[in-house]
């Protein structure tokens, strides 16, 4: 298990990452976690007192990575930009499971299921995590329906979200 301390940073102007809060994972530490890896990978462990699992490290070039800190993590830590955090983590090789309700609904629509299964596993997980973060059953059901509709219409995640947004206006 790797241990070190670092500071919570925040991007100013960084394209799609503008405003993100994050923790730096320097190249030497990333190399200890997952030797030779230049693409995203997941870790488990602790940030201060907060247990984490299946948290993605995103590549930033030259072997350096970041851990984006969503608002719920910052809130649980009670820390913002500039605060020091203690990290203790290791490579997380556990398999991400696709939401069972999503799979059950996809199985009822063979065309949608086939298209979903042809997507890269990382894209499947993106949909599944989005569905799992729904706070109510109604929202979860709506997101599953949107996913099925997107698969049937040959839409990717971004197209699906934009189509939903445009339908609300």
Protein backbone atom coordinates (compact mmCIF):
# COMPACT_ATOMS: atom_id res chain seq x y z
CA UNK A 1 0.00 0.00 0.00
CA UNK A 2 1.39 3.40 -0.99
CA UNK A 3 1.16 6.31 1.44
CA UNK A 4 1.85 10.01 0.93
CA UNK A 5 0.44 13.47 1.57
CA UNK A 6 -0.55 16.02 -1.03
CA UNK A 7 -2.69 19.10 -1.54
CA UNK A 8 -6.13 19.35 -3.17
CA UNK A 9 -5.76 21.39 -6.36
CA UNK A 10 -8.29 22.92 -8.74
CA UNK A 11 -7.99 23.51 -12.49
CA UNK A 12 -8.50 27.05 -13.74
CA UNK A 13 -8.65 26.91 -17.55
CA UNK A 14 -8.18 23.29 -18.59
CA UNK A 15 -10.78 22.59 -21.29
CA UNK A 16 -13.29 20.00 -20.11
CA UNK A 17 -11.56 19.83 -16.71
CA UNK A 18 -12.02 23.54 -15.92
CA UNK A 19 -13.04 23.93 -12.28
CA UNK A 20 -12.31 20.31 -11.32
CA UNK A 21 -10.82 19.64 -7.89
CA UNK A 22 -8.19 16.92 -7.95
CA UNK A 23 -5.22 15.27 -6.25
CA UNK A 24 -1.91 14.85 -8.08
CA UNK A 25 -0.45 11.37 -8.36
CA UNK A 26 3.16 11.88 -9.48
CA UNK A 27 4.75 9.55 -12.04
CA UNK A 28 6.94 7.77 -9.48
CA UNK A 29 3.92 6.85 -7.35
CA UNK A 30 1.82 5.83 -10.38
CA UNK A 31 4.70 3.62 -11.50
CA UNK A 32 4.69 1.84 -8.11
CA UNK A 33 0.92 1.31 -8.38
CA UNK A 34 0.77 0.05 -11.95
CA UNK A 35 4.16 -0.24 -13.64
CA UNK A 36 4.31 1.03 -17.22
CA UNK A 37 0.66 2.09 -17.33
CA UNK A 38 -0.10 5.24 -19.33
CA UNK A 39 -3.90 4.92 -19.40
CA UNK A 40 -6.52 5.21 -16.64
CA UNK A 41 -6.63 2.63 -13.89
CA UNK A 42 -8.43 2.26 -10.56
CA UNK A 43 -7.27 2.30 -6.95
CA UNK A 44 -8.70 1.46 -3.54
CA UNK A 45 -7.71 2.61 -0.08
CA UNK A 46 -8.21 5.83 1.89
CA UNK A 47 -8.12 9.57 1.42
CA UNK A 48 -7.73 10.77 5.00
CA UNK A 49 -10.42 8.78 6.87
CA UNK A 50 -12.58 8.17 3.78
CA UNK A 51 -12.52 4.66 2.32
CA UNK A 52 -12.41 4.60 -1.48
CA UNK A 53 -12.68 1.85 -4.06
CA UNK A 54 -12.86 1.75 -7.85
CA UNK A 55 -11.57 5.35 -8.01
CA UNK A 56 -10.06 6.24 -11.39
CA UNK A 57 -6.65 7.78 -11.89
CA UNK A 58 -6.65 9.87 -15.06
CA UNK A 59 -3.46 10.32 -17.11
CA UNK A 60 -2.07 13.85 -17.42
CA UNK A 61 1.04 13.08 -19.46
CA UNK A 62 4.65 12.18 -18.74
CA UNK A 63 3.50 9.39 -16.40
CA UNK A 64 1.62 11.74 -14.07
CA UNK A 65 -2.00 11.10 -13.07
CA UNK A 66 -4.76 12.84 -11.12
CA UNK A 67 -7.63 11.65 -8.94
CA UNK A 68 -10.64 13.91 -9.61
CA UNK A 69 -12.48 14.77 -6.39
CA UNK A 70 -16.22 15.07 -6.88
CA UNK A 71 -18.23 17.28 -4.56
CA UNK A 72 -19.47 14.31 -2.50
CA UNK A 73 -15.90 13.23 -1.75
CA UNK A 74 -14.80 16.77 -0.83
CA UNK A 75 -17.88 17.10 1.39
CA UNK A 76 -17.14 13.80 3.16
CA UNK A 77 -13.54 14.92 3.68
CA UNK A 78 -14.67 18.41 4.73
CA UNK A 79 -11.85 19.81 2.62
CA UNK A 80 -11.52 22.07 -0.41
CA UNK A 81 -8.75 23.44 -2.64
CA UNK A 82 -5.47 24.02 -0.81
CA UNK A 83 -6.15 21.53 2.00
CA UNK A 84 -3.66 18.74 2.72
CA UNK A 85 -4.86 15.14 2.50
CA UNK A 86 -3.22 11.84 3.41
CA UNK A 87 -3.45 9.10 0.81
CA UNK A 88 -3.13 5.38 1.33
CA UNK A 89 -4.01 3.26 -1.66
CA UNK A 90 -3.19 0.36 -3.96
CA UNK A 91 -4.24 -0.94 -7.36
CA UNK A 92 -7.90 -2.04 -7.42
CA UNK A 93 -8.27 -5.02 -9.73
CA UNK A 94 -11.85 -5.85 -8.75
CA UNK A 95 -14.29 -6.08 -11.65
CA UNK A 96 -16.91 -3.38 -12.05
CA UNK A 97 -20.35 -4.94 -12.32
CA UNK A 98 -23.05 -3.57 -14.60
CA UNK A 99 -26.28 -2.59 -12.81
CA UNK A 100 -28.56 -5.66 -12.59
CA UNK A 101 -31.73 -3.67 -13.36
CA UNK A 102 -30.13 -2.26 -16.51
CA UNK A 103 -29.10 -5.75 -17.64
CA UNK A 104 -32.61 -7.12 -16.96
CA UNK A 105 -34.17 -4.37 -19.09
CA UNK A 106 -31.61 -4.74 -21.87
CA UNK A 107 -32.32 -8.48 -22.03
CA UNK A 108 -35.94 -7.61 -22.89
CA UNK A 109 -34.73 -5.60 -25.92
CA UNK A 110 -32.33 -7.85 -27.88
CA UNK A 111 -31.29 -5.11 -30.34
CA UNK A 112 -30.46 -2.69 -27.52
CA UNK A 113 -28.67 -5.45 -25.61
CA UNK A 114 -26.55 -6.33 -28.63
CA UNK A 115 -25.55 -2.68 -29.16
CA UNK A 116 -24.77 -2.25 -25.47
CA UNK A 117 -22.57 -5.36 -25.48
CA UNK A 118 -20.65 -4.10 -28.53
CA UNK A 119 -19.60 -0.95 -26.67
CA UNK A 120 -16.23 -0.90 -24.90
CA UNK A 121 -16.53 -2.11 -21.30
CA UNK A 122 -15.55 1.36 -20.06
CA UNK A 123 -18.54 2.89 -21.90
CA UNK A 124 -20.87 0.27 -20.44
CA UNK A 125 -19.61 1.17 -16.97
CA UNK A 126 -20.20 4.86 -17.66
CA UNK A 127 -23.90 4.19 -18.31
CA UNK A 128 -24.14 1.83 -15.34
CA UNK A 129 -22.52 4.27 -12.91
CA UNK A 130 -24.81 7.05 -14.15
CA UNK A 131 -27.82 4.83 -13.48
CA UNK A 132 -26.52 3.76 -10.06
CA UNK A 133 -26.06 7.38 -8.93
CA UNK A 134 -29.79 8.09 -9.27
CA UNK A 135 -31.15 9.20 -5.90
CA UNK A 136 -34.69 7.88 -6.44
CA UNK A 137 -36.17 4.80 -8.08
CA UNK A 138 -38.08 7.06 -10.49
CA UNK A 139 -34.84 8.69 -11.65
CA UNK A 140 -33.18 5.29 -11.98
CA UNK A 141 -36.08 4.00 -14.09
CA UNK A 142 -35.94 7.10 -16.29
CA UNK A 143 -32.20 6.69 -16.82
CA UNK A 144 -32.60 3.02 -17.74
CA UNK A 145 -35.32 3.96 -20.23
CA UNK A 146 -33.10 6.69 -21.70
CA UNK A 147 -30.25 4.19 -22.04
CA UNK A 148 -32.46 1.64 -23.81
CA UNK A 149 -33.78 4.33 -26.15
CA UNK A 150 -30.24 5.54 -26.89
CA UNK A 151 -29.11 2.00 -27.74
CA UNK A 152 -32.08 1.50 -30.06
CA UNK A 153 -31.38 4.84 -31.76
CA UNK A 154 -27.63 4.21 -32.05
CA UNK A 155 -26.73 7.15 -29.81
CA UNK A 156 -23.69 7.47 -27.61
CA UNK A 157 -23.89 8.85 -24.07
CA UNK A 158 -23.28 12.48 -25.07
CA UNK A 159 -25.87 12.36 -27.85
CA UNK A 160 -28.38 10.83 -25.45
CA UNK A 161 -27.85 13.56 -22.84
CA UNK A 162 -28.08 16.34 -25.46
CA UNK A 163 -31.26 14.83 -26.93
CA UNK A 164 -32.85 14.68 -23.47
CA UNK A 165 -31.82 18.27 -22.74
CA UNK A 166 -33.23 19.47 -26.07
CA UNK A 167 -36.53 17.67 -25.44
CA UNK A 168 -36.97 19.55 -22.16
CA UNK A 169 -36.73 22.97 -23.79
